[in-house]
């Protein structure tokens, strides 16, 4: 729904509180900005595929 809004709802949301390790390293194909915008992914759901091996690096076993 946010992608359909004509103006940014949360400018800078990717720059605040999101580290590079979590922003792109857990998906198979990172989102790539084009002209300062991130195009809406074409896949179902979130439109990205999570990489289980990359996510495993952040796992903490108790």
N, C-alpha and C. Protein backbone atom coordinates (compact mmCIF):
# COMPACT_ATOMS: atom_id res chain seq x y z
N UNK A 1 0.81 -1.18 0.00
CA UNK A 1 0.00 0.00 0.00
C UNK A 1 0.86 1.25 0.00
N UNK A 2 1.96 1.22 0.71
CA UNK A 2 2.83 2.40 0.75
C UNK A 2 3.36 2.73 -0.63
N UNK A 3 3.57 1.72 -1.46
CA UNK A 3 4.10 1.96 -2.80
C UNK A 3 3.09 2.70 -3.67
N UNK A 4 1.81 2.62 -3.33
CA UNK A 4 0.78 3.29 -4.13
C UNK A 4 0.56 4.74 -3.70
N UNK A 5 1.13 5.13 -2.57
CA UNK A 5 0.96 6.48 -2.06
C UNK A 5 1.82 7.44 -2.88
N UNK A 6 1.30 8.60 -3.29
CA UNK A 6 2.05 9.48 -4.17
C UNK A 6 3.25 10.18 -3.53
N UNK A 7 3.30 10.25 -2.21
CA UNK A 7 4.40 10.93 -1.53
C UNK A 7 5.02 9.98 -0.52
N UNK A 8 6.29 10.19 -0.18
CA UNK A 8 6.92 9.30 0.82
C UNK A 8 6.23 9.43 2.17
N UNK A 9 5.95 8.30 2.80
CA UNK A 9 5.34 8.32 4.12
C UNK A 9 6.40 8.41 5.21
N UNK A 10 7.54 7.78 4.98
CA UNK A 10 8.61 7.76 5.98
C UNK A 10 9.94 8.00 5.29
N UNK A 11 10.27 9.23 5.01
CA UNK A 11 11.53 9.52 4.35
C UNK A 11 12.69 9.10 5.24
N UNK A 12 13.68 8.49 4.64
CA UNK A 12 14.87 8.12 5.39
C UNK A 12 14.74 6.87 6.21
N UNK A 13 13.66 6.11 6.06
CA UNK A 13 13.46 4.93 6.90
C UNK A 13 14.58 3.92 6.71
N UNK A 14 15.19 3.85 5.52
CA UNK A 14 16.27 2.90 5.30
C UNK A 14 17.58 3.39 5.89
N UNK A 15 17.69 4.69 6.13
CA UNK A 15 18.94 5.24 6.65
C UNK A 15 18.98 5.24 8.17
N UNK A 16 17.85 5.08 8.82
CA UNK A 16 17.79 5.18 10.28
C UNK A 16 17.51 3.82 10.90
N UNK A 17 18.45 3.32 11.68
CA UNK A 17 18.23 2.11 12.45
C UNK A 17 18.30 0.81 11.68
N UNK A 18 18.74 0.82 10.45
CA UNK A 18 18.86 -0.42 9.69
C UNK A 18 20.30 -0.56 9.26
N UNK A 19 20.97 -1.59 9.76
CA UNK A 19 22.36 -1.78 9.38
C UNK A 19 22.44 -2.45 8.02
N UNK A 20 23.56 -2.29 7.35
CA UNK A 20 23.76 -2.93 6.06
C UNK A 20 23.66 -4.43 6.15
N UNK A 21 24.07 -5.00 7.29
CA UNK A 21 24.03 -6.46 7.45
C UNK A 21 22.61 -6.99 7.40
N UNK A 22 21.68 -6.23 7.91
CA UNK A 22 20.30 -6.70 7.93
C UNK A 22 19.50 -6.20 6.73
N UNK A 23 19.89 -5.11 6.17
CA UNK A 23 19.11 -4.52 5.09
C UNK A 23 19.17 -5.31 3.79
N UNK A 24 20.30 -5.91 3.46
CA UNK A 24 20.40 -6.58 2.19
C UNK A 24 21.03 -7.94 2.21
N UNK A 25 21.68 -8.29 3.30
CA UNK A 25 22.44 -9.53 3.33
C UNK A 25 21.61 -10.77 3.63
N UNK A 26 20.32 -10.66 3.83
CA UNK A 26 19.51 -11.83 4.16
C UNK A 26 18.57 -12.23 3.02
N UNK A 27 18.67 -11.55 1.91
CA UNK A 27 17.84 -11.88 0.75
C UNK A 27 18.72 -12.36 -0.40
N UNK A 28 18.12 -13.12 -1.30
CA UNK A 28 18.91 -13.65 -2.42
C UNK A 28 19.24 -12.55 -3.43
N UNK A 29 18.34 -11.61 -3.64
CA UNK A 29 18.56 -10.49 -4.55
C UNK A 29 18.24 -9.20 -3.81
N UNK A 30 19.25 -8.46 -3.33
CA UNK A 30 18.99 -7.22 -2.58
C UNK A 30 18.20 -6.20 -3.41
N UNK A 31 17.40 -5.40 -2.72
CA UNK A 31 16.65 -4.34 -3.39
C UNK A 31 17.64 -3.29 -3.87
N UNK A 32 17.51 -2.85 -5.09
CA UNK A 32 18.44 -1.89 -5.67
C UNK A 32 17.71 -0.59 -5.99
N UNK A 33 18.11 0.51 -5.32
CA UNK A 33 17.48 1.80 -5.62
C UNK A 33 17.73 2.22 -7.07
N UNK A 34 16.73 2.83 -7.67
CA UNK A 34 16.83 3.39 -9.02
C UNK A 34 16.36 4.83 -8.96
N UNK A 35 17.25 5.76 -9.25
CA UNK A 35 16.93 7.19 -9.20
C UNK A 35 16.39 7.60 -7.83
N UNK A 36 16.97 7.05 -6.77
CA UNK A 36 16.57 7.40 -5.41
C UNK A 36 15.32 6.71 -4.91
N UNK A 37 14.78 5.78 -5.67
CA UNK A 37 13.58 5.05 -5.26
C UNK A 37 13.83 3.56 -5.36
N UNK A 38 13.12 2.79 -4.55
CA UNK A 38 13.22 1.34 -4.64
C UNK A 38 11.96 0.84 -5.35
N UNK A 39 12.12 0.24 -6.53
CA UNK A 39 10.94 -0.25 -7.25
C UNK A 39 10.23 -1.36 -6.47
N UNK A 40 8.93 -1.44 -6.64
CA UNK A 40 8.15 -2.48 -5.98
C UNK A 40 8.59 -3.84 -6.53
N UNK A 41 9.00 -4.77 -5.64
CA UNK A 41 9.40 -6.10 -6.12
C UNK A 41 8.23 -6.80 -6.83
N UNK A 42 8.55 -7.65 -7.78
CA UNK A 42 7.51 -8.31 -8.59
C UNK A 42 7.04 -9.64 -8.02
N UNK A 43 7.74 -10.20 -7.05
CA UNK A 43 7.37 -11.50 -6.50
C UNK A 43 6.18 -11.41 -5.56
N UNK A 44 5.64 -12.56 -5.15
CA UNK A 44 4.50 -12.58 -4.22
C UNK A 44 4.93 -12.18 -2.81
N UNK A 45 3.97 -11.81 -1.99
CA UNK A 45 4.26 -11.44 -0.60
C UNK A 45 5.12 -10.19 -0.55
N UNK A 46 6.25 -10.29 0.15
CA UNK A 46 7.16 -9.15 0.25
C UNK A 46 7.88 -8.89 -1.06
N UNK A 47 7.87 -9.86 -1.95
CA UNK A 47 8.50 -9.69 -3.24
C UNK A 47 9.98 -10.04 -3.26
N UNK A 48 10.48 -10.55 -2.15
CA UNK A 48 11.88 -10.95 -2.07
C UNK A 48 11.96 -12.38 -1.57
N UNK A 49 13.07 -13.04 -1.85
CA UNK A 49 13.28 -14.40 -1.36
C UNK A 49 14.36 -14.36 -0.29
N UNK A 50 14.05 -14.88 0.89
CA UNK A 50 15.02 -14.91 1.98
C UNK A 50 16.03 -16.03 1.75
N UNK A 51 17.28 -15.78 2.12
CA UNK A 51 18.36 -16.75 1.97
C UNK A 51 18.59 -17.41 3.33
N UNK A 52 18.18 -18.66 3.48
CA UNK A 52 18.25 -19.36 4.77
C UNK A 52 19.67 -19.45 5.30
N UNK A 53 20.65 -19.64 4.43
CA UNK A 53 22.04 -19.73 4.88
C UNK A 53 22.53 -18.40 5.45
N UNK A 54 22.14 -17.31 4.82
CA UNK A 54 22.54 -15.99 5.32
C UNK A 54 21.84 -15.68 6.64
N UNK A 55 20.59 -16.08 6.76
CA UNK A 55 19.85 -15.84 8.00
C UNK A 55 20.45 -16.65 9.14
N UNK A 56 20.96 -17.83 8.84
CA UNK A 56 21.53 -18.71 9.87
C UNK A 56 22.69 -18.04 10.60
N UNK A 57 23.38 -17.10 9.96
CA UNK A 57 24.49 -16.39 10.62
C UNK A 57 24.01 -15.60 11.83
N UNK A 58 22.76 -15.18 11.82
CA UNK A 58 22.22 -14.36 12.90
C UNK A 58 21.53 -15.20 13.98
N UNK A 59 21.48 -16.51 13.78
CA UNK A 59 20.79 -17.40 14.71
C UNK A 59 21.57 -17.53 16.01
N UNK A 60 20.83 -17.54 17.11
CA UNK A 60 21.43 -17.72 18.43
C UNK A 60 20.77 -18.93 19.07
N UNK A 61 21.51 -20.00 19.27
CA UNK A 61 20.97 -21.19 19.93
C UNK A 61 21.09 -21.03 21.43
N UNK A 62 20.05 -21.44 22.13
CA UNK A 62 20.07 -21.32 23.61
C UNK A 62 20.19 -22.67 24.23
